[in-house]
Amino acid sequence: MNDSYKIVLIALIDLLKEQAIAGAGQVEGLNAYQALLEAKAQAEALDVPLADIGLDGVDLDTLINPPRQAA
């Protein structure tokens, strides 16, 4: 991948991760979650390592259903 494209893609994914975390479990975080889910699906389909695009170790399910905190 061209380094310029990779830099843009990683910056976009970082922004989406921030937005998804901020809106975790809320409607506001849904668009970022869906975009990240699609990025992950495309990367996996094209054999692009998730580490190359900043999605390694990211559990997208926690963005849509954040863990509940103890009362």
N, C-alpha and C. Protein backbone atom coordinates (compact mmCIF):
# COMPACT_ATOMS: atom_id res chain seq x y z
N MET A 1 0.85 -1.17 0.00
CA MET A 1 0.00 0.00 0.00
C MET A 1 0.90 1.23 0.00
N ASN A 2 0.53 2.21 -0.79
CA ASN A 2 1.24 3.49 -0.81
C ASN A 2 1.22 4.09 0.59
N ASP A 3 2.36 4.58 1.06
CA ASP A 3 2.45 5.12 2.42
C ASP A 3 1.49 6.27 2.67
N SER A 4 1.25 7.12 1.68
CA SER A 4 0.32 8.25 1.85
C SER A 4 -1.09 7.74 2.11
N TYR A 5 -1.51 6.73 1.36
CA TYR A 5 -2.84 6.17 1.57
C TYR A 5 -2.94 5.50 2.93
N LYS A 6 -1.89 4.82 3.31
CA LYS A 6 -1.87 4.14 4.60
C LYS A 6 -1.98 5.15 5.75
N ILE A 7 -1.29 6.27 5.65
CA ILE A 7 -1.35 7.31 6.69
C ILE A 7 -2.76 7.87 6.80
N VAL A 8 -3.38 8.13 5.66
CA VAL A 8 -4.75 8.65 5.65
C VAL A 8 -5.71 7.63 6.25
N LEU A 9 -5.57 6.38 5.86
CA LEU A 9 -6.45 5.33 6.37
C LEU A 9 -6.30 5.16 7.88
N ILE A 10 -5.08 5.14 8.37
CA ILE A 10 -4.85 4.98 9.81
C ILE A 10 -5.42 6.17 10.58
N ALA A 11 -5.25 7.38 10.06
CA ALA A 11 -5.80 8.57 10.73
C ALA A 11 -7.33 8.49 10.79
N LEU A 12 -7.93 8.04 9.71
CA LEU A 12 -9.39 7.91 9.67
C LEU A 12 -9.86 6.85 10.66
N ILE A 13 -9.18 5.72 10.70
CA ILE A 13 -9.56 4.65 11.64
C ILE A 13 -9.36 5.11 13.08
N ASP A 14 -8.29 5.83 13.36
CA ASP A 14 -8.08 6.36 14.72
C ASP A 14 -9.22 7.29 15.13
N LEU A 15 -9.63 8.15 14.22
CA LEU A 15 -10.75 9.06 14.50
C LEU A 15 -12.03 8.28 14.74
N LEU A 16 -12.30 7.29 13.92
CA LEU A 16 -13.50 6.47 14.10
C LEU A 16 -13.46 5.71 15.42
N LYS A 17 -12.30 5.23 15.81
CA LYS A 17 -12.18 4.53 17.10
C LYS A 17 -12.50 5.50 18.24
N GLU A 18 -11.98 6.71 18.18
CA GLU A 18 -12.27 7.71 19.22
C GLU A 18 -13.77 8.00 19.29
N GLN A 19 -14.39 8.17 18.13
CA GLN A 19 -15.82 8.46 18.10
C GLN A 19 -16.64 7.27 18.60
N ALA A 20 -16.23 6.07 18.23
CA ALA A 20 -16.96 4.88 18.68
C ALA A 20 -16.83 4.69 20.19
N ILE A 21 -15.65 4.94 20.73
CA ILE A 21 -15.45 4.81 22.17
C ILE A 21 -16.28 5.87 22.91
N ALA A 22 -16.27 7.10 22.41
CA ALA A 22 -17.03 8.17 23.05
C ALA A 22 -18.53 7.90 23.01
N GLY A 23 -18.99 7.23 21.97
CA GLY A 23 -20.42 6.97 21.83
C GLY A 23 -20.79 5.53 22.09
N ALA A 24 -19.92 4.77 22.76
CA ALA A 24 -20.16 3.34 22.99
C ALA A 24 -21.50 3.12 23.67
N GLY A 25 -22.29 2.22 23.09
CA GLY A 25 -23.59 1.88 23.66
C GLY A 25 -24.67 2.89 23.37
N GLN A 26 -24.35 3.91 22.59
CA GLN A 26 -25.32 4.95 22.26
C GLN A 26 -25.48 5.02 20.74
N VAL A 27 -26.58 5.61 20.31
CA VAL A 27 -26.83 5.77 18.88
C VAL A 27 -25.71 6.58 18.23
N GLU A 28 -25.15 7.53 18.95
CA GLU A 28 -24.11 8.40 18.40
C GLU A 28 -22.86 7.63 17.97
N GLY A 29 -22.60 6.50 18.58
CA GLY A 29 -21.43 5.73 18.24
C GLY A 29 -21.66 4.70 17.14
N LEU A 30 -22.90 4.57 16.68
CA LEU A 30 -23.25 3.52 15.73
C LEU A 30 -22.59 3.71 14.37
N ASN A 31 -22.55 4.91 13.84
CA ASN A 31 -21.94 5.12 12.52
C ASN A 31 -20.44 4.78 12.54
N ALA A 32 -19.76 5.20 13.58
CA ALA A 32 -18.33 4.90 13.69
C ALA A 32 -18.13 3.39 13.81
N TYR A 33 -18.97 2.74 14.59
CA TYR A 33 -18.90 1.29 14.75
C TYR A 33 -19.08 0.59 13.41
N GLN A 34 -20.09 1.01 12.65
CA GLN A 34 -20.36 0.39 11.36
C GLN A 34 -19.20 0.60 10.38
N ALA A 35 -18.62 1.78 10.39
CA ALA A 35 -17.49 2.07 9.50
C ALA A 35 -16.29 1.21 9.89
N LEU A 36 -16.02 1.07 11.18
CA LEU A 36 -14.91 0.23 11.63
C LEU A 36 -15.16 -1.24 11.30
N LEU A 37 -16.39 -1.68 11.45
CA LEU A 37 -16.74 -3.06 11.13
C LEU A 37 -16.50 -3.33 9.64
N GLU A 38 -16.86 -2.39 8.79
CA GLU A 38 -16.63 -2.54 7.35
C GLU A 38 -15.14 -2.52 7.02
N ALA A 39 -14.40 -1.64 7.65
CA ALA A 39 -12.95 -1.58 7.43
C ALA A 39 -12.31 -2.92 7.81
N LYS A 40 -12.74 -3.48 8.93
CA LYS A 40 -12.20 -4.77 9.37
C LYS A 40 -12.57 -5.87 8.39
N ALA A 41 -13.82 -5.90 7.94
CA ALA A 41 -14.27 -6.92 7.00
C ALA A 41 -13.50 -6.84 5.69
N GLN A 42 -13.29 -5.64 5.19
CA GLN A 42 -12.56 -5.48 3.93
C GLN A 42 -11.10 -5.88 4.09
N ALA A 43 -10.50 -5.50 5.20
CA ALA A 43 -9.11 -5.87 5.46
C ALA A 43 -8.96 -7.39 5.50
N GLU A 44 -9.87 -8.04 6.21
CA GLU A 44 -9.80 -9.49 6.31
C GLU A 44 -10.03 -10.15 4.95
N ALA A 45 -10.96 -9.63 4.16
CA ALA A 45 -11.24 -10.19 2.84
C ALA A 45 -10.05 -10.04 1.89
N LEU A 46 -9.29 -8.97 2.07
CA LEU A 46 -8.15 -8.69 1.20
C LEU A 46 -6.82 -9.13 1.81
N ASP A 47 -6.88 -9.84 2.93
CA ASP A 47 -5.69 -10.31 3.64
C ASP A 47 -4.75 -9.18 4.04
N VAL A 48 -5.33 -8.05 4.42
CA VAL A 48 -4.55 -6.94 4.95
C VAL A 48 -4.48 -7.14 6.47
N PRO A 49 -3.30 -7.26 7.04
CA PRO A 49 -3.20 -7.45 8.49
C PRO A 49 -3.87 -6.28 9.24
N LEU A 50 -4.67 -6.62 10.23
CA LEU A 50 -5.35 -5.58 11.00
C LEU A 50 -4.35 -4.64 11.67
N ALA A 51 -3.19 -5.14 12.00
CA ALA A 51 -2.15 -4.30 12.60
C ALA A 51 -1.72 -3.19 11.65
N ASP A 52 -1.78 -3.46 10.35
CA ASP A 52 -1.37 -2.46 9.37
C ASP A 52 -2.31 -1.26 9.31
N ILE A 53 -3.55 -1.45 9.76
CA ILE A 53 -4.50 -0.34 9.70
C ILE A 53 -4.99 0.11 11.08
N GLY A 54 -4.32 -0.36 12.12
CA GLY A 54 -4.64 0.10 13.47
C GLY A 54 -5.84 -0.57 14.10
N LEU A 55 -6.23 -1.73 13.60
CA LEU A 55 -7.38 -2.43 14.18
C LEU A 55 -7.02 -3.71 14.92
N ASP A 56 -5.72 -3.98 15.06
CA ASP A 56 -5.34 -5.18 15.80
C ASP A 56 -5.67 -5.00 17.27
N GLY A 57 -6.25 -6.02 17.85
CA GLY A 57 -6.57 -5.99 19.27
C GLY A 57 -7.80 -5.16 19.62
N VAL A 58 -8.49 -4.63 18.62
CA VAL A 58 -9.69 -3.82 18.87
C VAL A 58 -10.90 -4.75 18.88
N ASP A 59 -11.61 -4.78 19.99
CA ASP A 59 -12.83 -5.59 20.11
C ASP A 59 -14.00 -4.70 19.77
N LEU A 60 -14.46 -4.77 18.52
CA LEU A 60 -15.53 -3.89 18.07
C LEU A 60 -16.83 -4.11 18.83
N ASP A 61 -17.05 -5.33 19.32
CA ASP A 61 -18.28 -5.60 20.06
C ASP A 61 -18.39 -4.76 21.33
N THR A 62 -17.26 -4.41 21.94
CA THR A 62 -17.33 -3.57 23.15
C THR A 62 -17.73 -2.15 22.81
N LEU A 63 -17.62 -1.77 21.54
CA LEU A 63 -18.02 -0.42 21.15
C LEU A 63 -19.53 -0.32 21.01
N ILE A 64 -20.16 -1.41 20.66
CA ILE A 64 -21.61 -1.40 20.50
C ILE A 64 -22.30 -1.81 21.80
N ASN A 65 -21.64 -2.68 22.56
CA ASN A 65 -22.17 -3.16 23.85
C ASN A 65 -21.07 -3.04 24.89
N PRO A 66 -20.84 -1.82 25.41
CA PRO A 66 -19.76 -1.64 26.38
C PRO A 66 -20.01 -2.47 27.65
N PRO A 67 -18.94 -2.92 28.30
CA PRO A 67 -19.12 -3.68 29.55
C PRO A 67 -19.79 -2.80 30.60
N ARG A 68 -20.66 -3.42 31.35
CA ARG A 68 -21.35 -2.68 32.41
C ARG A 68 -20.43 -2.49 33.60
N GLN A 69 -20.52 -1.33 34.19
CA GLN A 69 -19.70 -1.03 35.37
C GLN A 69 -20.45 -1.45 36.62
N ALA A 70 -19.72 -1.93 37.59
CA ALA A 70 -20.33 -2.34 38.86
C ALA A 70 -20.90 -1.14 39.59
N ALA A 71 -22.02 -1.34 40.23
CA ALA A 71 -22.68 -0.23 40.95
C ALA A 71 -22.08 -0.01 42.30
